[in-house]
PDB file of N, CA and C in Angstrom:
ATOM      1  N   TYR A   1    -200.337  19.434-177.851  1.00  0.00           N
ATOM      2  CA  TYR A   1    -200.844  18.078-177.952  1.00  0.00           C
ATOM      3  C   TYR A   1    -202.322  18.122-178.343  1.00  0.00           C
ATOM      4  N   ALA A   2    -202.716  17.197-179.203  1.00  0.00           N
ATOM      5  CA  ALA A   2    -204.118  17.069-179.582  1.00  0.00           C
ATOM      6  C   ALA A   2    -204.905  16.434-178.432  1.00  0.00           C
ATOM      7  N   GLU A   3    -206.196  16.633-178.428  1.00  0.00           N
ATOM      8  CA  GLU A   3    -207.053  16.104-177.359  1.00  0.00           C
ATOM      9  C   GLU A   3    -206.941  14.586-177.215  1.00  0.00           C
ATOM     10  N   HIS A   4    -206.778  13.869-178.318  1.00  0.00           N
ATOM     11  CA  HIS A   4    -206.693  12.404-178.271  1.00  0.00           C
ATOM     12  C   HIS A   4    -205.263  11.929-178.509  1.00  0.00           C
ATOM     13  N   ALA A   5    -204.304  12.707-178.020  1.00  0.00           N
ATOM     14  CA  ALA A   5    -202.892  12.360-178.185  1.00  0.00           C
ATOM     15  C   ALA A   5    -202.561  11.088-177.419  1.00  0.00           C
ATOM     16  N   GLN A   6    -201.590  10.368-177.939  1.00  0.00           N
ATOM     17  CA  GLN A   6    -201.087   9.165-177.292  1.00  0.00           C
ATOM     18  C   GLN A   6    -199.657   9.419-176.834  1.00  0.00           C
ATOM     19  N   PHE A   7    -199.318   8.872-175.675  1.00  0.00           N
ATOM     20  CA  PHE A   7    -197.954   8.877-175.185  1.00  0.00           C
ATOM     21  C   PHE A   7    -197.603   7.454-174.831  1.00  0.00           C
ATOM     22  N   GLU A   8    -196.388   7.046-175.206  1.00  0.00           N
ATOM     23  CA  GLU A   8    -195.980   5.686-174.876  1.00  0.00           C
ATOM     24  C   GLU A   8    -194.479   5.628-174.662  1.00  0.00           C
ATOM     25  N   ASP A   9    -194.105   4.936-173.605  1.00  0.00           N
ATOM     26  CA  ASP A   9    -192.718   4.569-173.370  1.00  0.00           C
ATOM     27  C   ASP A   9    -192.739   3.133-172.845  1.00  0.00           C
ATOM     28  N   PRO A  10    -191.600   2.550-172.529  1.00  0.00           N
ATOM     29  CA  PRO A  10    -191.626   1.141-172.093  1.00  0.00           C
ATOM     30  C   PRO A  10    -192.405   0.873-170.814  1.00  0.00           C
ATOM     31  N   LEU A  11    -192.741   1.915-170.035  1.00  0.00           N
ATOM     32  CA  LEU A  11    -193.459   1.705-168.786  1.00  0.00           C
ATOM     33  C   LEU A  11    -194.939   2.039-168.828  1.00  0.00           C
ATOM     34  N   GLN A  12    -195.364   2.861-169.778  1.00  0.00           N
ATOM     35  CA  GLN A  12    -196.766   3.284-169.741  1.00  0.00           C
ATOM     36  C   GLN A  12    -197.303   3.635-171.118  1.00  0.00           C
ATOM     37  N   TYR A  13    -198.608   3.641-171.179  1.00  0.00           N
ATOM     38  CA  TYR A  13    -199.327   4.029-172.393  1.00  0.00           C
ATOM     39  C   TYR A  13    -200.476   4.937-171.979  1.00  0.00           C
ATOM     40  N   SER A  14    -200.567   6.098-172.608  1.00  0.00           N
ATOM     41  CA  SER A  14    -201.657   7.042-172.362  1.00  0.00           C
ATOM     42  C   SER A  14    -202.343   7.321-173.689  1.00  0.00           C
ATOM     43  N   ASP A  15    -203.674   7.378-173.662  1.00  0.00           N
ATOM     44  CA  ASP A  15    -204.388   7.532-174.934  1.00  0.00           C
ATOM     45  C   ASP A  15    -205.285   8.760-175.011  1.00  0.00           C
ATOM     46  N   ASN A  16    -205.049   9.744-174.111  1.00  0.00           N
ATOM     47  CA  ASN A  16    -205.771  11.010-174.217  1.00  0.00           C
ATOM     48  C   ASN A  16    -204.961  12.100-173.524  1.00  0.00           C
ATOM     49  N   LEU A  17    -205.274  13.339-173.817  1.00  0.00           N
ATOM     50  CA  LEU A  17    -204.492  14.466-173.324  1.00  0.00           C
ATOM     51  C   LEU A  17    -204.414  14.495-171.802  1.00  0.00           C
ATOM     52  N   SER A  18    -205.493  14.193-171.123  1.00  0.00           N
ATOM     53  CA  SER A  18    -205.500  14.208-169.669  1.00  0.00           C
ATOM     54  C   SER A  18    -204.494  13.216-169.092  1.00  0.00           C
ATOM     55  N   SER A  19    -204.457  11.997-169.623  1.00  0.00           N
ATOM     56  CA  SER A  19    -203.521  11.003-169.092  1.00  0.00           C
ATOM     57  C   SER A  19    -202.085  11.295-169.517  1.00  0.00           C
ATOM     58  N   VAL A  20    -201.893  11.944-170.672  1.00  0.00           N
ATOM     59  CA  VAL A  20    -200.546  12.367-171.076  1.00  0.00           C
ATOM     60  C   VAL A  20    -200.031  13.407-170.079  1.00  0.00           C
ATOM     61  N   LYS A  21    -200.877  14.375-169.736  1.00  0.00           N
ATOM     62  CA  LYS A  21    -200.488  15.401-168.763  1.00  0.00           C
ATOM     63  C   LYS A  21    -200.159  14.768-167.415  1.00  0.00           C
ATOM     64  N   SER A  22    -200.947  13.812-166.990  1.00  0.00           N
ATOM     65  CA  SER A  22    -200.699  13.131-165.715  1.00  0.00           C
ATOM     66  C   SER A  22    -199.354  12.424-165.713  1.00  0.00           C
ATOM     67  N   ALA A  23    -199.015  11.817-166.845  1.00  0.00           N
ATOM     68  CA  ALA A  23    -197.734  11.116-166.949  1.00  0.00           C
ATOM     69  C   ALA A  23    -196.577  12.085-166.724  1.00  0.00           C
ATOM     70  N   PHE A  24    -196.640  13.258-167.325  1.00  0.00           N
ATOM     71  CA  PHE A  24    -195.560  14.231-167.177  1.00  0.00           C
ATOM     72  C   PHE A  24    -195.567  14.888-165.803  1.00  0.00           C
ATOM     73  N   LYS A  25    -196.753  15.114-165.231  1.00  0.00           N
ATOM     74  CA  LYS A  25    -196.840  15.731-163.914  1.00  0.00           C
ATOM     75  C   LYS A  25    -196.316  14.812-162.816  1.00  0.00           C
ATOM     76  N   SER A  26    -196.279  13.511-163.066  1.00  0.00           N
ATOM     77  CA  SER A  26    -195.795  12.567-162.053  1.00  0.00           C
ATOM     78  C   SER A  26    -194.266  12.538-161.957  1.00  0.00           C
ATOM     79  N   LEU A  27    -193.572  13.028-162.981  1.00  0.00           N
ATOM     80  CA  LEU A  27    -192.107  12.949-162.984  1.00  0.00           C
ATOM     81  C   LEU A  27    -191.451  13.639-161.783  1.00  0.00           C
ATOM     82  N   PRO A  28    -191.869  14.842-161.379  1.00  0.00           N
ATOM     83  CA  PRO A  28    -191.232  15.467-160.208  1.00  0.00           C
ATOM     84  C   PRO A  28    -191.465  14.706-158.910  1.00  0.00           C
ATOM     85  N   LYS A  29    -192.442  13.826-158.877  1.00  0.00           N
ATOM     86  CA  LYS A  29    -192.676  13.015-157.682  1.00  0.00           C
ATOM     87  C   LYS A  29    -191.664  11.872-157.598  1.00  0.00           C
ATOM     88  N   ILE A  30    -191.076  11.507-158.730  1.00  0.00           N
ATOM     89  CA  ILE A  30    -190.134  10.389-158.797  1.00  0.00           C
ATOM     90  C   ILE A  30    -188.687  10.874-158.837  1.00  0.00           C
ATOM     91  N   PHE A  31    -188.462  11.971-159.566  1.00  0.00           N
ATOM     92  CA  PHE A  31    -187.107  12.450-159.783  1.00  0.00           C
ATOM     93  C   PHE A  31    -186.880  13.801-159.125  1.00  0.00           C
ATOM     94  N   LYS A  32    -185.747  13.929-158.448  1.00  0.00           N
ATOM     95  CA  LYS A  32    -185.355  15.193-157.833  1.00  0.00           C
ATOM     96  C   LYS A  32    -184.949  16.199-158.904  1.00  0.00           C
ATOM     97  N   ASP A  33    -184.281  15.703-159.956  1.00  0.00           N
ATOM     98  CA  ASP A  33    -183.785  16.578-160.999  1.00  0.00           C
ATOM     99  C   ASP A  33    -183.609  15.761-162.277  1.00  0.00           C
ATOM    100  N   SER A  34    -183.624  16.456-163.400  1.00  0.00           N
ATOM    101  CA  SER A  34    -183.297  15.820-164.678  1.00  0.00           C
ATOM    102  C   SER A  34    -182.647  16.869-165.557  1.00  0.00           C
ATOM    103  N   GLU A  35    -181.790  16.379-166.460  1.00  0.00           N
ATOM    104  CA  GLU A  35    -181.077  17.290-167.349  1.00  0.00           C
ATOM    105  C   GLU A  35    -180.785  16.575-168.663  1.00  0.00           C
ATOM    106  N   VAL A  36    -181.134  17.213-169.770  1.00  0.00           N
ATOM    107  CA  VAL A  36    -180.766  16.690-171.080  1.00  0.00           C
ATOM    108  C   VAL A  36    -179.291  17.028-171.278  1.00  0.00           C
ATOM    109  N   THR A  37    -178.452  15.996-171.444  1.00  0.00           N
ATOM    110  CA  THR A  37    -177.017  16.200-171.561  1.00  0.00           C
ATOM    111  C   THR A  37    -176.527  16.160-173.004  1.00  0.00           C
ATOM    112  N   LYS A  38    -177.304  15.550-173.888  1.00  0.00           N
ATOM    113  CA  LYS A  38    -176.992  15.541-175.317  1.00  0.00           C
ATOM    114  C   LYS A  38    -178.299  15.546-176.085  1.00  0.00           C
ATOM    115  N   SER A  39    -178.299  16.210-177.250  1.00  0.00           N
ATOM    116  CA  SER A  39    -179.519  16.208-178.054  1.00  0.00           C
ATOM    117  C   SER A  39    -179.185  16.412-179.527  1.00  0.00           C
ATOM    118  N   ASP A  40    -180.040  15.868-180.355  1.00  0.00           N
ATOM    119  CA  ASP A  40    -179.985  16.059-181.802  1.00  0.00           C
ATOM    120  C   ASP A  40    -181.415  15.889-182.296  1.00  0.00           C
ATOM    121  N   ALA A  41    -181.734  16.450-183.443  1.00  0.00           N
ATOM    122  CA  ALA A  41    -183.122  16.389-183.907  1.00  0.00           C
ATOM    123  C   ALA A  41    -183.204  16.372-185.420  1.00  0.00           C
ATOM    124  N   GLN A  42    -184.233  15.678-185.892  1.00  0.00           N
ATOM    125  CA  GLN A  42    -184.646  15.721-187.296  1.00  0.00           C
ATOM    126  C   GLN A  42    -186.091  16.210-187.274  1.00  0.00           C
ATOM    127  N   ILE A  43    -186.278  17.512-187.535  1.00  0.00           N
ATOM    128  CA  ILE A  43    -187.616  18.085-187.377  1.00  0.00           C
ATOM    129  C   ILE A  43    -188.335  18.295-188.700  1.00  0.00           C
ATOM    130  N   ASP A  44    -187.703  17.948-189.797  1.00  0.00           N
ATOM    131  CA  ASP A  44    -188.345  18.139-191.099  1.00  0.00           C
ATOM    132  C   ASP A  44    -189.019  16.860-191.581  1.00  0.00           C
ATOM    133  N   THR A  45    -189.310  15.948-190.661  1.00  0.00           N
ATOM    134  CA  THR A  45    -189.986  14.692-190.985  1.00  0.00           C
ATOM    135  C   THR A  45    -191.227  14.559-190.113  1.00  0.00           C
ATOM    136  N   ASN A  46    -192.110  13.665-190.468  1.00  0.00           N
ATOM    137  CA  ASN A  46    -193.267  13.347-189.629  1.00  0.00           C
ATOM    138  C   ASN A  46    -193.377  11.826-189.573  1.00  0.00           C
ATOM    139  N   PRO A  47    -193.020  11.219-188.457  1.00  0.00           N
ATOM    140  CA  PRO A  47    -192.787  11.863-187.167  1.00  0.00           C
ATOM    141  C   PRO A  47    -191.425  12.565-187.101  1.00  0.00           C
ATOM    142  N   MET A  48    -191.401  13.630-186.277  1.00  0.00           N
ATOM    143  CA  MET A  48    -190.129  14.271-185.961  1.00  0.00           C
ATOM    144  C   MET A  48    -189.347  13.298-185.081  1.00  0.00           C
ATOM    145  N   LYS A  49    -188.039  13.374-185.162  1.00  0.00           N
ATOM    146  CA  LYS A  49    -187.202  12.445-184.419  1.00  0.00           C
ATOM    147  C   LYS A  49    -186.202  13.227-183.574  1.00  0.00           C
ATOM    148  N   LEU A  50    -186.253  13.003-182.268  1.00  0.00           N
ATOM    149  CA  LEU A  50    -185.320  13.629-181.336  1.00  0.00           C
ATOM    150  C   LEU A  50    -184.463  12.539-180.708  1.00  0.00           C
ATOM    151  N   MET A  51    -183.170  12.746-180.682  1.00  0.00           N
ATOM    152  CA  MET A  51    -182.269  11.826-180.018  1.00  0.00           C
ATOM    153  C   MET A  51    -181.770  12.536-178.763  1.00  0.00           C
ATOM    154  N   LEU A  52    -182.078  11.964-177.607  1.00  0.00           N
ATOM    155  CA  LEU A  52    -181.770  12.611-176.333  1.00  0.00           C
ATOM    156  C   LEU A  52    -180.982  11.698-175.415  1.00  0.00           C
ATOM    157  N   GLU A  53    -180.123  12.308-174.636  1.00  0.00           N
ATOM    158  CA  GLU A  53    -179.497  11.623-173.511  1.00  0.00           C
ATOM    159  C   GLU A  53    -179.876  12.448-172.292  1.00  0.00           C
ATOM    160  N   THR A  54    -180.582  11.837-171.355  1.00  0.00           N
ATOM    161  CA  THR A  54    -181.099  12.561-170.199  1.00  0.00           C
ATOM    162  C   THR A  54    -180.612  11.908-168.921  1.00  0.00           C
ATOM    163  N   ARG A  55    -180.119  12.739-168.021  1.00  0.00           N
ATOM    164  CA  ARG A  55    -179.673  12.276-166.710  1.00  0.00           C
ATOM    165  C   ARG A  55    -180.790  12.552-165.706  1.00  0.00           C
ATOM    166  N   TYR A  56    -181.208  11.523-164.987  1.00  0.00           N
ATOM    167  CA  TYR A  56    -182.247  11.648-163.965  1.00  0.00           C
ATOM    168  C   TYR A  56    -181.631  11.394-162.596  1.00  0.00           C
ATOM    169  N   GLU A  57    -181.979  12.243-161.622  1.00  0.00           N
ATOM    170  CA  GLU A  57    -181.566  12.050-160.241  1.00  0.00           C
ATOM    171  C   GLU A  57    -182.807  11.643-159.446  1.00  0.00           C
ATOM    172  N   TRP A  58    -182.768  10.450-158.868  1.00  0.00           N
ATOM    173  CA  TRP A  58    -183.913   9.907-158.148  1.00  0.00           C
ATOM    174  C   TRP A  58    -184.160  10.674-156.854  1.00  0.00           C
ATOM    175  N   LYS A  59    -185.410  10.777-156.465  1.00  0.00           N
ATOM    176  CA  LYS A  59    -185.775  11.394-155.191  1.00  0.00           C
ATOM    177  C   LYS A  59    -185.584  10.378-154.073  1.00  0.00           C
ATOM    178  N   GLY A  60    -185.035  10.833-152.954  1.00  0.00           N
ATOM    179  CA  GLY A  60    -184.956   9.980-151.776  1.00  0.00           C
ATOM    180  C   GLY A  60    -183.762   9.035-151.736  1.00  0.00           C
ATOM    181  N   ILE A  61    -183.104   8.814-152.856  1.00  0.00           N
ATOM    182  CA  ILE A  61    -181.912   7.959-152.868  1.00  0.00           C
ATOM    183  C   ILE A  61    -180.831   8.670-153.680  1.00  0.00           C
ATOM    184  N   LYS A  62    -179.603   8.388-153.364  1.00  0.00           N
ATOM    185  CA  LYS A  62    -178.495   9.025-154.092  1.00  0.00           C
ATOM    186  C   LYS A  62    -178.130   8.147-155.271  1.00  0.00           C
ATOM    187  N   LYS A  63    -178.923   8.273-156.314  1.00  0.00           N
ATOM    188  CA  LYS A  63    -178.679   7.475-157.509  1.00  0.00           C
ATOM    189  C   LYS A  63    -179.067   8.299-158.732  1.00  0.00           C
ATOM    190  N   GLU A  64    -178.274   8.157-159.778  1.00  0.00           N
ATOM    191  CA  GLU A  64    -178.579   8.795-161.053  1.00  0.00           C
ATOM    192  C   GLU A  64    -178.741   7.716-162.114  1.00  0.00           C
ATOM    193  N   THR A  65    -179.596   8.000-163.080  1.00  0.00           N
ATOM    194  CA  THR A  65    -179.812   7.114-164.216  1.00  0.00           C
ATOM    195  C   THR A  65    -179.704   7.950-165.481  1.00  0.00           C
ATOM    196  N   VAL A  66    -179.025   7.410-166.475  1.00  0.00           N
ATOM    197  CA  VAL A  66    -178.943   8.075-167.776  1.00  0.00           C
ATOM    198  C   VAL A  66    -179.731   7.243-168.766  1.00  0.00           C
ATOM    199  N   ILE A  67    -180.657   7.893-169.447  1.00  0.00           N
ATOM    200  CA  ILE A  67    -181.455   7.213-170.473  1.00  0.00           C
ATOM    201  C   ILE A  67    -181.171   7.874-171.809  1.00  0.00           C
ATOM    202  N   ARG A  68    -180.760   7.062-172.763  1.00  0.00           N
ATOM    203  CA  ARG A  68    -180.589   7.524-174.142  1.00  0.00           C
ATOM    204  C   ARG A  68    -181.854   7.113-174.875  1.00  0.00           C
ATOM    205  N   SER A  69    -182.547   8.077-175.414  1.00  0.00           N
ATOM    206  CA  SER A  69    -183.835   7.760-176.027  1.00  0.00           C
ATOM    207  C   SER A  69    -183.969   8.385-177.408  1.00  0.00           C
ATOM    208  N   VAL A  70    -184.794   7.723-178.200  1.00  0.00           N
ATOM    209  CA  VAL A  70    -185.245   8.269-179.473  1.00  0.00           C
ATOM    210  C   VAL A  70    -186.706   8.621-179.260  1.00  0.00           C
ATOM    211  N   VAL A  71    -187.041   9.879-179.446  1.00  0.00           N
ATOM    212  CA  VAL A  71    -188.407  10.354-179.255  1.00  0.00           C
ATOM    213  C   VAL A  71    -189.003  10.622-180.629  1.00  0.00           C
ATOM    214  N   LEU A  72    -190.139  10.007-180.899  1.00  0.00           N
ATOM    215  CA  LEU A  72    -190.856  10.207-182.157  1.00  0.00           C
ATOM    216  C   LEU A  72    -192.117  11.005-181.862  1.00  0.00           C
ATOM    217  N   LEU A  73    -192.259  12.155-182.521  1.00  0.00           N
ATOM    218  CA  LEU A  73    -193.428  13.017-182.345  1.00  0.00           C
ATOM    219  C   LEU A  73    -194.181  13.085-183.674  1.00  0.00           C
ATOM    220  N   THR A  74    -195.377  12.502-183.701  1.00  0.00           N
ATOM    221  CA  THR A  74    -196.202  12.511-184.904  1.00  0.00           C
ATOM    222  C   THR A  74    -197.207  13.647-184.802  1.00  0.00           C
ATOM    223  N   LEU A  75    -197.279  14.458-185.866  1.00  0.00           N
ATOM    224  CA  LEU A  75    -198.162  15.626-185.881  1.00  0.00           C
ATOM    225  C   LEU A  75    -199.361  15.406-186.792  1.00  0.00           C
ATOM    226  N   ASN A  76    -200.471  16.067-186.465  1.00  0.00           N
ATOM    227  CA  ASN A  76    -201.627  16.063-187.353  1.00  0.00           C
ATOM    228  C   ASN A  76    -201.547  17.275-188.285  1.00  0.00           C
ATOM    229  N   ASP A  77    -202.583  17.495-189.086  1.00  0.00           N
ATOM    230  CA  ASP A  77    -202.593  18.612-190.037  1.00  0.00           C
ATOM    231  C   ASP A  77    -202.566  19.979-189.355  1.00  0.00           C
ATOM    232  N   GLN A  78    -202.984  20.047-188.101  1.00  0.00           N
ATOM    233  CA  GLN A  78    -202.958  21.305-187.347  1.00  0.00           C
ATOM    234  C   GLN A  78    -201.633  21.479-186.590  1.00  0.00           C
ATOM    235  N   GLU A  79    -200.676  20.601-186.875  1.00  0.00           N
ATOM    236  CA  GLU A  79    -199.355  20.594-186.250  1.00  0.00           C
ATOM    237  C   GLU A  79    -199.420  20.384-184.745  1.00  0.00           C
ATOM    238  N   GLN A  80    -200.408  19.609-184.302  1.00  0.00           N
ATOM    239  CA  GLN A  80    -200.502  19.195-182.910  1.00  0.00           C
ATOM    240  C   GLN A  80    -199.903  17.794-182.803  1.00  0.00           C
ATOM    241  N   ILE A  81    -199.309  17.506-181.661  1.00  0.00           N
ATOM    242  CA  ILE A  81    -198.766  16.162-181.443  1.00  0.00           C
ATOM    243  C   ILE A  81    -199.927  15.199-181.218  1.00  0.00           C
ATOM    244  N   VAL A  82    -199.988  14.146-182.026  1.00  0.00           N
ATOM    245  CA  VAL A  82    -201.010  13.114-181.860  1.00  0.00           C
ATOM    246  C   VAL A  82    -200.414  11.826-181.290  1.00  0.00           C
ATOM    247  N   ARG A  83    -199.100  11.678-181.391  1.00  0.00           N
ATOM    248  CA  ARG A  83    -198.426  10.524-180.809  1.00  0.00           C
ATOM    249  C   ARG A  83    -197.018  10.933-180.391  1.00  0.00           C
ATOM    250  N   HIS A  84    -196.693  10.600-179.147  1.00  0.00           N
ATOM    251  CA  HIS A  84    -195.377  10.864-178.571  1.00  0.00           C
ATOM    252  C   HIS A  84    -194.861   9.509-178.089  1.00  0.00           C
ATOM    253  N   GLU A  85    -193.845   9.017-178.757  1.00  0.00           N
ATOM    254  CA  GLU A  85    -193.294   7.698-178.429  1.00  0.00           C
ATOM    255  C   GLU A  85    -191.844   7.854-178.014  1.00  0.00           C
ATOM    256  N   GLU A  86    -191.496   7.284-176.851  1.00  0.00           N
ATOM    257  CA  GLU A  86    -190.118   7.331-176.373  1.00  0.00           C
ATOM    258  C   GLU A  86    -189.538   5.929-176.398  1.00  0.00           C
ATOM    259  N   ARG A  87    -188.506   5.766-177.217  1.00  0.00           N
ATOM    260  CA  ARG A  87    -187.819   4.477-177.347  1.00  0.00           C
ATOM    261  C   ARG A  87    -186.501   4.563-176.592  1.00  0.00           C
ATOM    262  N   TRP A  88    -186.463   3.909-175.437  1.00  0.00           N
ATOM    263  CA  TRP A  88    -185.253   3.931-174.632  1.00  0.00           C
ATOM    264  C   TRP A  88    -184.171   3.129-175.334  1.00  0.00           C
ATOM    265  N   ASN A  89    -182.976   3.672-175.383  1.00  0.00           N
ATOM    266  CA  ASN A  89    -181.837   3.080-176.099  1.00  0.00           C
ATOM    267  C   ASN A  89    -182.147   2.858-177.573  1.00  0.00           C
ATOM    268  N   GLY A  90    -183.160   3.545-178.098  1.00  0.00           N
ATOM    269  CA  GLY A  90    -183.519   3.441-179.501  1.00  0.00           C
ATOM    270  C   GLY A  90    -184.307   2.193-179.847  1.00  0.00           C
ATOM    271  N   ASP A  91    -184.568   1.343-178.850  1.00  0.00           N
ATOM    272  CA  ASP A  91    -185.267   0.078-179.098  1.00  0.00           C
ATOM    273  C   ASP A  91    -186.769   0.296-179.217  1.00  0.00           C
ATOM    274  N   PRO A  92    -187.419  -0.375-180.174  1.00  0.00           N
ATOM    275  CA  PRO A  92    -188.877  -0.285-180.248  1.00  0.00           C
ATOM    276  C   PRO A  92    -189.504  -0.744-178.932  1.00  0.00           C
ATOM    277  N   ILE A  93    -190.662  -0.209-178.629  1.00  0.00           N
ATOM    278  CA  ILE A  93    -191.347  -0.569-177.387  1.00  0.00           C
ATOM    279  C   ILE A  93    -191.861  -1.996-177.498  1.00  0.00           C
ATOM    280  N   PRO A  94    -191.462  -2.870-176.556  1.00  0.00           N
ATOM    281  CA  PRO A  94    -191.794  -4.296-176.677  1.00  0.00           C
ATOM    282  C   PRO A  94    -193.287  -4.596-176.728  1.00  0.00           C
ATOM    283  N   ASN A  95    -194.067  -3.954-175.862  1.00  0.00           N
ATOM    284  CA  ASN A  95    -195.504  -4.197-175.800  1.00  0.00           C
ATOM    285  C   ASN A  95    -196.230  -2.950-176.266  1.00  0.00           C
ATOM    286  N   ALA A  96    -195.979  -2.562-177.505  1.00  0.00           N
ATOM    287  CA  ALA A  96    -196.535  -1.316-178.032  1.00  0.00           C
ATOM    288  C   ALA A  96    -198.027  -1.206-177.722  1.00  0.00           C
ATOM    289  N   GLU A  97    -198.434  -0.025-177.291  1.00  0.00           N
ATOM    290  CA  GLU A  97    -199.814   0.331-176.975  1.00  0.00           C
ATOM    291  C   GLU A  97    -200.424  -0.505-175.853  1.00  0.00           C
ATOM    292  N   SER A  98    -199.594  -1.138-175.045  1.00  0.00           N
ATOM    293  CA  SER A  98    -200.144  -1.821-173.878  1.00  0.00           C
ATOM    294  C   SER A  98    -199.486  -1.285-172.621  1.00  0.00           C
ATOM    295  N   GLY A  99    -198.192  -1.014-172.686  1.00  0.00           N
ATOM    296  CA  GLY A  99    -197.478  -0.451-171.561  1.00  0.00           C
ATOM    297  C   GLY A  99    -197.359  -1.403-170.398  1.00  0.00           C
ATOM    298  N   PHE A 100    -196.433  -1.098-169.533  1.00  0.00           N
ATOM    299  CA  PHE A 100    -196.216  -1.907-168.341  1.00  0.00           C
ATOM    300  C   PHE A 100    -197.245  -1.561-167.290  1.00  0.00           C
ATOM    301  N   PHE A 101    -197.555  -0.242-167.166  1.00  0.00           N
ATOM    302  CA  PHE A 101    -198.557   0.209-166.180  1.00  0.00           C
ATOM    303  C   PHE A 101    -199.818   0.580-166.891  1.00  0.00           C
TER     304      PHE A 101
END
């Protein structure tokens, strides 16, 4: 990831590497386990496009959630990720670059 990388999904927006790392480090606090159950990729484009189906097991409650997402990874000339966008169910993010949190 580039120093000024952006991460966005329907719940949050991060605009620098430190906050992107924090977003990913928080996942084990929320989920007991996660597993990618299906995947496909188009990596010869920019942004690269990953189609994922991920099963999440919540911590503290016996509940699982499956999220089908389209992940767009935009690279700079140094092949670093400058934007990581996760579109749940393939839908564009409603409040792009504002996030819920």
